[in-house]
Amino acid sequence: VDKQFSSNIYDVLRSMETLIIESIEGHWNEEIRSQVVRINNEIKKISTPEDVAQRFNQLNRGFHDPLEQFCMNDCAIDLRQKYHKYITILVEGGKPHSVERVRQIAKEHDAIINALDSGDMHQVRKAYNLHSAAAKKEFFWQLSD
């Protein structure tokens, strides 16, 4: 496992997440919007490293799960889960997310919500790709000495 392998995993992960989010098209509604906005507002309240450790991962999954629930592509879901598990294992010994990164994630989530509100799937893909690229950058920071 080296930097290139890890980078490749993130690229595949980003592709699968983008494919998965496309399934929300035609399903985005006020109920789902309210749910993800509420969760993102909880993410915005995270203010200490302890909050990050205790609350962030569950809240982050709570943000993404409603957006991805309509995907019927089992291969994409399996690949996303497999590669996300690899990333989780690799980062376990590294630095935790910083509070600053969590704040940035909340802004990226806002951009995803705004893109979904626009109904423009190109904008949704773009917002998800930017979110994933920032996660990849954070991942390499977490592994750095």
Foldseek 3Di string as FASTA:
>chain_A
DDPVVLVVLLVLLLVLLLVLLVLCQVPDDPVLLVQLVVLLVVLQPDDDPVCQVPPVVVSVCSNSCSSRVRDPPVVSVVSNVVSVVVLCVLLVPFDGDDSVVSNVLSVLSVQLSVQVVVSDSVSNSVSSSVSSVSVSVVSVVRNDD
